[in-house]
Amino acid sequence: MRGRPTTRELSSTYKRMNVPDREENSALLQNGVGVQTTNPSWQRSLPHVLVSTITSFLYGYHLGVVNEPLESISLDLGFSGNTLAEGLVVSTCLAGAFVGSLFSGWIADGVGRCRAFQLSTLPMIIGASISATTKNLEGMLLGRFLVGTGMGLGPAVASLYVAEVSPSFVRGTYGSFIQIATCFGLMGALFIGIPAKEIVGWWRVCFWVSAVPAAILALAMVFCAESPHWLYKRGRYAEAEAEFEKLLGESYVKSAIGELSKLDRSDDVEALSGINAVFYFSSTVFKRVGMPSDLANICVGVANLSGSIVAMILMDKMGRKGLLLASFTGMAGAMGIQVTAAGSFLPGSAAMCLSVSGMLLFVLTFAVGAGPVPGLLLPEIFPSRIRAKAMAVCLSVHWAINFFVGLLFLRLLEVLGPQVLYSIFATFCLMAVVFVKRNVIETKGKSLQEIEITLLPQDVN
């Protein structure tokens, strides 16, 4: 008597019984059969997207957590006045993020999106604990490096996950949630860091706080849907169908599976803009122009959040390309204002107002497009078979550049001066405008399968 069938046999049997062959799916979709004329409920997928954006909150928090307390940290740990050591406290985290993002694609493809989220929380909790209890610079750098590996893994998976579980008609809006969560993380870090100047050792509390949302993310992911795209690619068709039903509703499952099958058929044939320096060292920059850092950082947080809300509203209306063009153009203009403010011909009060205005405009226009769009656009345009690994490569480049920005910004500000440094940032923004104009395609309102089939060469019969 034959024993129980194996998982592989069940999967093969399910595919033969429930998944139409490629030619049939292609014909059905081309003739409009099985294609829904109404949109699925956005309420089904929303909770899963919101949970995934906790990792973006953590990303923002750890970007800003040393901003306000950096002076206190340097005094307590004995490296006050050493700008290279201060830069290392920031950039070591980014070096860790480079390592985390480098392996994020393989991890996300190997264990799935949900498990990858959970794995990203471990180094964040351990690293934050080490940073909070260290007595020297070396311990701080070790803790920041570990936190960085989780930062590199989590946001990369979040971009994949949001793109793959969101209905196409709200994918842009949901993608903006990633940036909004990052804003809340930055604002939370700045708010928590305010007492650091008055209360000795408060900076340690700032690191302990970050362990709470990390633990919540690890627990909440147990109840979230796995990416149906990942399950289908792994041959787990029954599970993919079940997750589509959870995310879209029963009546949309067949069309969603049909699009994935059609995609199988076709398979057979960020920029150095200077925004990172603003988030890492805004307290130092504003102090140089004579503005209280507390007030300035609150304004940065409000500008960032306001721009992100605008992006959320416009992402699925104006489109990705239009937002990018407007964003990089505005950022270049803001850097031009900064260059003017740094000129010696302006009185002190006028220079301060102009500098702060330019900085806030820079943050606002960044949040409208350059912040939220790339994290959504990249997983949209990459083919499903390489999406996770391609994202890993792109984000590794992003973090490598971030590392050098964090390490060298204060030193470059001293050596080059604000006019030259901000002119360099403006030049990169203008280069980005040209690149987007010539090369970026519009993806709003299209399913991931439609985008991929548009970009990939079709087989010739």
Protein backbone atom coordinates (compact mmCIF):
# COMPACT_ATOMS: atom_id res chain seq x y z
CA MET A 1 0.00 0.00 0.00
CA ARG A 2 1.40 3.38 -1.02
CA GLY A 3 2.25 5.87 1.71
CA ARG A 4 1.07 9.49 1.99
CA PRO A 5 1.94 11.69 -0.99
CA THR A 6 4.85 14.07 -0.59
CA THR A 7 4.54 17.86 -0.60
CA ARG A 8 6.08 17.98 -4.07
CA GLU A 9 3.54 15.46 -5.40
CA LEU A 10 0.65 17.42 -3.90
CA SER A 11 1.98 20.62 -5.44
CA SER A 12 2.36 18.96 -8.84
CA THR A 13 -1.15 17.49 -8.64
CA TYR A 14 -2.60 20.87 -7.63
CA LYS A 15 -0.89 22.58 -10.56
CA ARG A 16 -2.30 20.04 -13.05
CA MET A 17 -5.81 20.32 -11.63
CA ASN A 18 -6.11 24.03 -10.80
CA VAL A 19 -3.64 26.11 -12.82
CA PRO A 20 -4.48 26.49 -16.51
CA ASP A 21 -1.65 26.03 -18.96
CA ARG A 22 0.20 29.08 -20.25
CA GLU A 23 -1.47 29.28 -23.65
CA GLU A 24 -4.93 29.05 -22.06
CA ASN A 25 -4.15 31.80 -19.56
CA SER A 26 -2.74 34.03 -22.28
CA ALA A 27 -5.86 33.57 -24.41
CA LEU A 28 -8.17 34.20 -21.48
CA LEU A 29 -6.43 37.41 -20.52
CA GLN A 30 -6.17 38.71 -24.07
CA ASN A 31 -9.89 38.12 -24.60
CA GLY A 32 -10.79 39.73 -21.31
CA VAL A 33 -12.07 36.52 -19.75
CA GLY A 34 -11.31 36.31 -16.05
CA VAL A 35 -10.20 39.95 -15.88
CA GLN A 36 -12.08 41.89 -13.21
CA THR A 37 -13.76 45.13 -14.25
CA THR A 38 -13.88 46.41 -10.66
CA ASN A 39 -11.13 46.87 -8.13
CA PRO A 40 -10.75 44.61 -5.08
CA SER A 41 -11.24 46.06 -1.62
CA TRP A 42 -8.17 47.94 -0.42
CA GLN A 43 -9.16 47.16 3.17
CA ARG A 44 -8.05 43.53 2.90
CA SER A 45 -4.42 44.28 2.12
CA LEU A 46 -4.08 47.44 4.24
CA PRO A 47 -3.32 45.75 7.63
CA HIS A 48 -0.55 43.66 6.07
CA VAL A 49 1.03 46.73 4.46
CA LEU A 50 0.84 48.73 7.69
CA VAL A 51 2.61 45.99 9.66
CA SER A 52 5.38 45.80 7.06
CA THR A 53 6.03 49.54 7.33
CA ILE A 54 7.12 49.15 10.96
CA THR A 55 10.51 48.27 9.51
CA SER A 56 10.54 51.65 7.74
CA PHE A 57 9.71 53.33 11.05
CA LEU A 58 12.74 51.59 12.55
CA TYR A 59 14.83 52.65 9.56
CA GLY A 60 13.89 56.28 10.12
CA TYR A 61 14.37 56.03 13.88
CA HIS A 62 17.87 54.64 13.62
CA LEU A 63 18.80 57.24 10.99
CA GLY A 64 17.90 60.02 13.40
CA VAL A 65 18.59 58.47 16.80
CA VAL A 66 22.13 59.91 17.05
CA ASN A 67 21.20 63.30 15.59
CA GLU A 68 20.29 65.18 18.75
CA PRO A 69 22.24 63.07 21.32
CA LEU A 70 25.50 62.93 19.29
CA GLU A 71 27.17 65.60 21.41
CA SER A 72 26.20 63.84 24.65
CA ILE A 73 27.34 60.48 23.29
CA SER A 74 30.74 61.90 22.31
CA LEU A 75 31.21 63.46 25.76
CA ASP A 76 30.22 60.30 27.66
CA LEU A 77 32.30 57.96 25.51
CA GLY A 78 35.35 60.23 25.30
CA PHE A 79 35.58 61.33 21.66
CA SER A 80 34.18 64.87 21.89
CA GLY A 81 35.46 67.18 19.15
CA ASN A 82 36.64 64.33 16.94
CA THR A 83 34.57 64.80 13.79
CA LEU A 84 35.91 61.57 12.26
CA ALA A 85 34.73 59.56 15.27
CA GLU A 86 31.36 61.31 15.16
CA GLY A 87 31.11 60.44 11.50
CA LEU A 88 31.93 56.81 12.31
CA VAL A 89 29.08 56.62 14.82
CA VAL A 90 26.76 57.55 11.96
CA SER A 91 28.41 55.76 9.06
CA THR A 92 29.16 52.43 10.80
CA CYS A 93 25.41 51.89 10.89
CA LEU A 94 25.36 52.51 7.15
CA ALA A 95 28.19 50.04 6.61
CA GLY A 96 26.05 47.45 8.37
CA ALA A 97 23.13 48.42 6.19
CA PHE A 98 25.29 47.78 3.13
CA VAL A 99 25.95 44.23 4.36
CA GLY A 100 22.29 43.65 5.21
CA SER A 101 21.01 44.91 1.88
CA LEU A 102 23.66 42.95 -0.02
CA PHE A 103 22.16 39.68 1.24
CA SER A 104 18.54 40.85 1.44
CA GLY A 105 17.56 39.41 -1.94
CA TRP A 106 18.88 35.95 -1.18
CA ILE A 107 17.28 35.97 2.27
CA ALA A 108 13.90 37.18 0.98
CA ASP A 109 13.92 34.59 -1.81
CA GLY A 110 15.18 31.82 0.46
CA VAL A 111 12.92 32.08 3.50
CA GLY A 112 10.09 34.31 2.23
CA ARG A 113 9.18 37.93 2.86
CA CYS A 114 7.52 37.46 6.26
CA ARG A 115 10.37 35.43 7.75
CA ALA A 116 12.88 37.95 6.35
CA PHE A 117 11.09 40.72 8.25
CA GLN A 118 11.43 38.72 11.44
CA LEU A 119 15.11 38.03 10.85
CA SER A 120 15.75 41.75 10.33
CA THR A 121 14.55 42.53 13.86
CA LEU A 122 17.15 40.35 15.60
CA PRO A 123 20.27 42.44 14.86
CA MET A 124 18.26 45.61 15.50
CA ILE A 125 17.33 44.50 19.01
CA ILE A 126 20.78 43.11 19.82
CA GLY A 127 22.59 46.10 18.33
CA ALA A 128 20.39 48.63 20.12
CA SER A 129 21.04 46.84 23.40
CA ILE A 130 24.81 46.96 22.88
CA SER A 131 24.69 50.67 21.96
CA ALA A 132 22.57 51.45 25.00
CA THR A 133 24.94 49.76 27.46
CA THR A 134 28.39 50.44 25.97
CA LYS A 135 31.09 52.32 27.85
CA ASN A 136 33.36 53.09 24.90
CA LEU A 137 33.43 54.05 21.24
CA GLU A 138 34.18 50.51 20.08
CA GLY A 139 31.02 49.14 21.68
CA MET A 140 28.95 51.91 20.12
CA LEU A 141 30.36 51.13 16.69
CA LEU A 142 29.63 47.40 17.11
CA GLY A 143 26.05 48.10 18.16
CA ARG A 144 25.51 50.54 15.31
CA PHE A 145 26.90 48.03 12.81
CA LEU A 146 24.50 45.30 13.98
CA VAL A 147 21.55 47.69 13.88
CA GLY A 148 22.61 48.62 10.37
CA THR A 149 22.41 45.04 9.10
CA GLY A 150 18.75 44.96 10.14
CA MET A 151 18.20 48.38 8.54
CA GLY A 152 19.65 47.10 5.28
CA LEU A 153 17.50 43.97 5.24
CA GLY A 154 14.15 45.35 6.44
CA PRO A 155 13.44 48.27 4.02
CA ALA A 156 14.49 46.19 1.01
CA VAL A 157 12.00 43.49 1.94
CA ALA A 158 9.34 46.13 2.70
CA SER A 159 9.58 47.52 -0.83
CA LEU A 160 9.21 44.02 -2.27
CA TYR A 161 6.38 43.07 0.04
CA VAL A 162 4.30 46.21 -0.47
CA ALA A 163 4.65 45.97 -4.25
CA GLU A 164 3.65 42.30 -4.27
CA VAL A 165 0.66 42.35 -1.90
CA SER A 166 -0.92 45.68 -2.95
CA PRO A 167 -3.74 45.94 -5.53
CA SER A 168 -2.41 47.87 -8.52
CA PHE A 169 -4.86 50.78 -8.16
CA VAL A 170 -3.51 51.69 -4.69
CA ARG A 171 0.06 50.40 -4.98
CA GLY A 172 1.44 53.92 -5.28
CA THR A 173 -0.46 55.08 -2.21
CA TYR A 174 0.65 52.08 -0.22
CA GLY A 175 4.21 52.61 -1.40
CA SER A 176 4.06 56.11 0.08
CA PHE A 177 3.30 54.58 3.47
CA ILE A 178 6.93 53.42 3.55
CA GLN A 179 8.16 57.01 3.37
CA ILE A 180 5.55 58.23 5.86
CA ALA A 181 6.61 55.55 8.33
CA THR A 182 10.22 56.64 7.83
CA CYS A 183 9.15 60.22 8.62
CA PHE A 184 7.46 59.12 11.83
CA GLY A 185 10.62 57.21 12.75
CA LEU A 186 12.80 60.27 12.19
CA MET A 187 10.41 62.51 14.12
CA GLY A 188 10.19 59.97 16.91
CA ALA A 189 13.97 59.82 17.20
CA LEU A 190 14.24 63.62 17.27
CA PHE A 191 11.47 63.88 19.88
CA ILE A 192 12.95 61.17 22.10
CA GLY A 193 16.38 62.80 21.82
CA ILE A 194 15.31 66.25 23.05
CA PRO A 195 16.05 65.59 26.77
CA ALA A 196 19.56 64.30 25.93
CA LYS A 197 21.16 67.70 26.56
CA GLU A 198 19.59 68.06 29.99
CA ILE A 199 19.53 64.52 31.36
CA VAL A 200 22.83 62.69 31.72
CA GLY A 201 22.76 59.30 30.00
CA TRP A 202 19.39 59.91 28.31
CA TRP A 203 20.91 58.89 24.99
CA ARG A 204 20.94 55.32 26.28
CA VAL A 205 17.16 55.43 26.65
CA CYS A 206 16.95 56.53 23.01
CA PHE A 207 18.51 53.24 21.93
CA TRP A 208 16.44 51.08 24.30
CA VAL A 209 13.19 52.53 22.92
CA SER A 210 13.87 51.14 19.44
CA ALA A 211 13.63 47.55 20.70
CA VAL A 212 9.88 47.90 21.27
CA PRO A 213 8.70 48.39 17.63
CA ALA A 214 11.21 45.76 16.51
CA ALA A 215 9.63 43.19 18.84
CA ILE A 216 6.14 44.21 17.67
CA LEU A 217 7.16 43.68 14.03
CA ALA A 218 8.56 40.22 14.74
CA LEU A 219 5.34 39.16 16.48
CA ALA A 220 2.86 40.78 14.08
CA MET A 221 4.44 39.17 11.03
CA VAL A 222 3.21 35.80 12.29
CA PHE A 223 -0.32 36.90 11.35
CA CYS A 224 0.48 38.59 8.02
CA ALA A 225 0.01 37.12 4.55
CA GLU A 226 3.05 35.81 2.71
CA SER A 227 3.70 37.25 -0.75
CA PRO A 228 1.67 35.22 -3.28
CA HIS A 229 4.29 36.06 -5.91
CA TRP A 230 7.00 34.40 -3.83
CA LEU A 231 4.82 31.36 -3.11
CA TYR A 232 3.92 30.94 -6.78
CA LYS A 233 7.57 31.22 -7.80
CA ARG A 234 8.40 28.49 -5.29
CA GLY A 235 5.76 26.19 -6.78
CA ARG A 236 3.41 26.48 -3.78
CA TYR A 237 0.35 27.21 -5.89
CA ALA A 238 -2.35 26.30 -3.39
CA GLU A 239 -0.81 28.58 -0.78
CA ALA A 240 -0.45 31.39 -3.31
CA GLU A 241 -4.13 31.11 -4.13
CA ALA A 242 -5.04 31.17 -0.44
CA GLU A 243 -2.97 34.31 0.14
CA PHE A 244 -4.51 36.04 -2.88
CA GLU A 245 -7.93 35.29 -1.40
CA LYS A 246 -6.85 36.81 1.90
CA LEU A 247 -5.47 39.93 0.21
CA LEU A 248 -7.92 40.50 -2.66
CA GLY A 249 -11.04 38.44 -2.06
CA GLU A 250 -12.26 35.14 -3.52
CA SER A 251 -13.63 36.59 -6.75
CA TYR A 252 -10.22 38.00 -7.74
CA VAL A 253 -8.11 34.89 -7.16
CA LYS A 254 -8.43 33.30 -10.62
CA SER A 255 -7.51 36.47 -12.49
CA ALA A 256 -4.54 37.07 -10.20
CA ILE A 257 -3.26 33.52 -10.67
CA GLY A 258 -3.90 33.86 -14.39
CA GLU A 259 -1.68 36.92 -14.60
CA LEU A 260 1.13 35.13 -12.81
CA SER A 261 0.82 32.24 -15.23
CA LYS A 262 0.90 34.65 -18.15
CA LEU A 263 4.06 36.11 -16.68
CA ASP A 264 5.63 32.65 -16.69
CA ARG A 265 5.02 32.56 -20.42
CA SER A 266 6.89 35.79 -21.03
CA ASP A 267 9.72 34.61 -18.80
CA ASP A 268 10.33 31.65 -21.05
CA VAL A 269 11.33 33.64 -24.12
CA GLU A 270 19.01 56.38 -5.69
CA ALA A 271 21.14 59.09 -6.10
CA LEU A 272 23.59 61.09 -4.08
CA SER A 273 21.30 64.05 -3.52
CA GLY A 274 22.46 65.16 -0.07
CA ILE A 275 19.24 64.34 1.81
CA ASN A 276 21.04 61.84 4.00
CA ALA A 277 23.36 64.53 5.31
CA VAL A 278 20.31 66.55 6.36
CA PHE A 279 18.88 63.69 8.42
CA TYR A 280 22.20 62.69 9.96
CA PHE A 281 23.59 66.09 10.84
CA SER A 282 20.71 68.58 10.78
CA SER A 283 21.37 69.61 14.39
CA THR A 284 24.99 70.43 13.56
CA VAL A 285 24.09 72.26 10.35
CA PHE A 286 21.42 74.41 11.97
CA LYS A 287 23.69 75.19 14.91
CA ARG A 288 26.23 76.62 12.46
CA VAL A 289 23.70 79.19 11.22
CA GLY A 290 22.63 80.11 14.74
CA MET A 291 19.20 78.43 14.90
CA PRO A 292 18.15 76.33 17.92
CA SER A 293 18.50 72.70 16.88
CA ASP A 294 15.33 71.56 18.67
CA LEU A 295 13.11 73.94 16.70
CA ALA A 296 14.94 73.26 13.45
CA ASN A 297 14.64 69.48 13.79
CA ILE A 298 10.91 69.74 14.48
CA CYS A 299 10.56 71.79 11.31
CA VAL A 300 12.53 69.17 9.35
CA GLY A 301 10.21 66.46 10.63
CA VAL A 302 7.07 68.42 9.75
CA ALA A 303 8.39 69.22 6.25
CA ASN A 304 9.27 65.57 5.67
CA LEU A 305 5.87 64.33 6.82
CA SER A 306 3.99 67.00 4.83
CA GLY A 307 5.80 66.09 1.62
CA SER A 308 5.15 62.39 2.22
CA ILE A 309 1.42 63.00 2.63
CA VAL A 310 1.39 64.95 -0.64
CA ALA A 311 3.18 62.03 -2.31
CA MET A 312 0.61 59.58 -0.93
CA ILE A 313 -2.21 61.65 -2.43
CA LEU A 314 -0.56 62.15 -5.84
CA MET A 315 1.29 58.86 -6.38
CA ASP A 316 -1.60 57.08 -8.11
CA LYS A 317 -2.88 60.28 -9.79
CA MET A 318 0.16 62.19 -11.01
CA GLY A 319 2.28 59.08 -11.43
CA ARG A 320 5.81 58.09 -10.45
CA LYS A 321 7.72 59.90 -13.20
CA GLY A 322 6.02 63.26 -12.71
CA LEU A 323 6.68 63.20 -8.97
CA LEU A 324 10.34 62.36 -9.52
CA LEU A 325 10.83 65.21 -11.98
CA ALA A 326 9.15 67.73 -9.69
CA SER A 327 11.06 66.42 -6.67
CA PHE A 328 14.58 66.53 -8.10
CA THR A 329 13.94 69.93 -9.69
CA GLY A 330 12.76 71.31 -6.34
CA MET A 331 15.74 69.79 -4.53
CA ALA A 332 18.16 71.41 -6.96
CA GLY A 333 16.44 74.76 -6.42
CA ALA A 334 16.63 74.30 -2.65
CA MET A 335 20.35 73.65 -2.85
CA GLY A 336 20.66 76.81 -4.93
CA ILE A 337 19.05 78.70 -2.05
CA GLN A 338 21.55 77.12 0.33
CA VAL A 339 24.45 78.25 -1.85
CA THR A 340 23.06 81.79 -1.86
CA ALA A 341 22.59 81.74 1.91
CA ALA A 342 26.22 80.73 2.37
CA GLY A 343 27.38 83.84 0.49
CA SER A 344 29.24 86.42 2.56
CA PHE A 345 27.24 89.35 1.15
CA LEU A 346 24.12 88.58 3.23
CA PRO A 347 23.58 89.82 6.80
CA GLY A 348 23.50 87.15 9.50
CA SER A 349 19.75 87.09 10.12
CA ALA A 350 18.92 86.99 6.41
CA ALA A 351 21.45 84.21 5.81
CA MET A 352 19.99 82.16 8.66
CA CYS A 353 16.39 82.52 7.39
CA LEU A 354 17.43 81.71 3.83
CA SER A 355 19.51 78.71 4.88
CA VAL A 356 16.73 77.24 7.00
CA SER A 357 14.17 77.88 4.25
CA GLY A 358 16.39 76.14 1.71
CA MET A 359 16.91 73.16 3.99
CA LEU A 360 13.20 72.77 4.68
CA LEU A 361 12.33 73.12 0.99
CA PHE A 362 14.93 70.47 0.23
CA VAL A 363 13.37 68.06 2.70
CA LEU A 364 9.83 68.84 1.51
CA THR A 365 10.57 68.28 -2.17
CA PHE A 366 12.58 65.15 -1.38
CA ALA A 367 9.62 63.68 0.48
CA VAL A 368 7.29 64.40 -2.44
CA GLY A 369 9.14 62.19 -4.89
CA ALA A 370 12.78 61.23 -4.47
CA GLY A 371 12.04 59.68 -1.08
CA PRO A 372 9.04 57.39 -1.69
CA VAL A 373 9.16 56.74 -5.44
CA PRO A 374 12.43 54.78 -5.93
CA GLY A 375 11.55 52.24 -3.23
CA LEU A 376 8.29 51.51 -5.08
CA LEU A 377 9.48 51.91 -8.67
CA LEU A 378 12.41 49.50 -8.40
CA PRO A 379 10.39 46.40 -7.42
CA GLU A 380 7.78 47.41 -10.02
CA ILE A 381 10.20 47.37 -12.96
CA PHE A 382 12.35 44.35 -12.06
CA PRO A 383 11.24 40.92 -13.40
CA SER A 384 9.80 38.67 -10.70
CA ARG A 385 12.50 36.02 -11.09
CA ILE A 386 15.28 38.49 -10.12
CA ARG A 387 13.28 41.15 -8.23
CA ALA A 388 14.61 40.46 -4.74
CA LYS A 389 18.25 40.05 -5.80
CA ALA A 390 18.17 43.09 -8.09
CA MET A 391 16.77 45.15 -5.23
CA ALA A 392 19.61 43.89 -3.06
CA VAL A 393 22.21 45.10 -5.55
CA CYS A 394 20.58 48.52 -5.97
CA LEU A 395 20.18 49.10 -2.26
CA SER A 396 23.74 47.96 -1.61
CA VAL A 397 24.95 50.75 -3.89
CA HIS A 398 22.61 53.13 -2.05
CA TRP A 399 24.03 52.17 1.33
CA ALA A 400 27.62 52.31 0.13
CA ILE A 401 27.10 55.92 -0.98
CA ASN A 402 25.25 56.63 2.27
CA PHE A 403 28.25 55.34 4.20
CA PHE A 404 30.60 57.87 2.64
CA VAL A 405 28.08 60.70 3.00
CA GLY A 406 27.71 59.94 6.71
CA LEU A 407 31.45 59.51 7.23
CA LEU A 408 32.72 62.52 5.29
CA PHE A 409 29.95 65.14 5.36
CA LEU A 410 31.22 67.11 8.37
CA ARG A 411 34.80 66.93 7.14
CA LEU A 412 33.81 68.03 3.62
CA LEU A 413 31.79 70.87 5.09
CA GLU A 414 34.93 72.05 6.87
CA VAL A 415 37.27 71.61 3.90
CA LEU A 416 35.09 72.65 0.95
CA GLY A 417 32.71 75.04 2.65
CA PRO A 418 28.92 75.06 2.30
CA GLN A 419 28.81 76.75 -1.11
CA VAL A 420 30.91 74.13 -2.89
CA LEU A 421 29.36 71.17 -1.06
CA TYR A 422 25.76 72.26 -1.67
CA SER A 423 26.61 73.02 -5.31
CA ILE A 424 27.74 69.40 -5.67
CA PHE A 425 24.43 68.20 -4.22
CA ALA A 426 22.52 70.48 -6.60
CA THR A 427 24.47 69.12 -9.57
CA PHE A 428 23.53 65.54 -8.70
CA CYS A 429 19.88 66.56 -8.43
CA LEU A 430 19.96 68.13 -11.90
CA MET A 431 21.63 65.00 -13.28
CA ALA A 432 18.78 63.00 -11.76
CA VAL A 433 16.23 65.21 -13.56
CA VAL A 434 17.87 64.44 -16.90
CA PHE A 435 18.06 60.73 -16.16
CA VAL A 436 14.41 60.46 -15.10
CA LYS A 437 13.27 62.42 -18.14
CA ARG A 438 15.09 60.13 -20.55
CA ASN A 439 14.87 56.70 -18.95
CA VAL A 440 12.07 56.24 -16.40
CA ILE A 441 8.77 54.75 -17.53
CA GLU A 442 5.39 55.40 -15.92
CA THR A 443 3.94 52.47 -13.96
CA LYS A 444 0.86 53.87 -12.24
CA GLY A 445 -2.28 51.74 -12.44
CA LYS A 446 -0.49 48.75 -14.00
CA SER A 447 -0.11 45.33 -12.44
CA LEU A 448 3.39 44.00 -11.85
CA GLN A 449 2.79 41.46 -14.59
CA GLU A 450 1.76 44.13 -17.12
CA ILE A 451 4.85 46.19 -16.33
CA GLU A 452 7.16 43.20 -16.69
CA ILE A 453 5.65 42.03 -19.96
CA THR A 454 5.96 45.58 -21.32
CA LEU A 455 9.65 45.78 -20.47
CA LEU A 456 10.71 42.26 -21.43
CA PRO A 457 11.19 41.16 -25.05
CA GLN A 458 8.36 38.93 -26.27
CA ASP A 459 8.89 35.57 -27.90
CA VAL A 460 8.43 35.45 -31.66
CA ASN A 461 6.24 32.59 -32.86
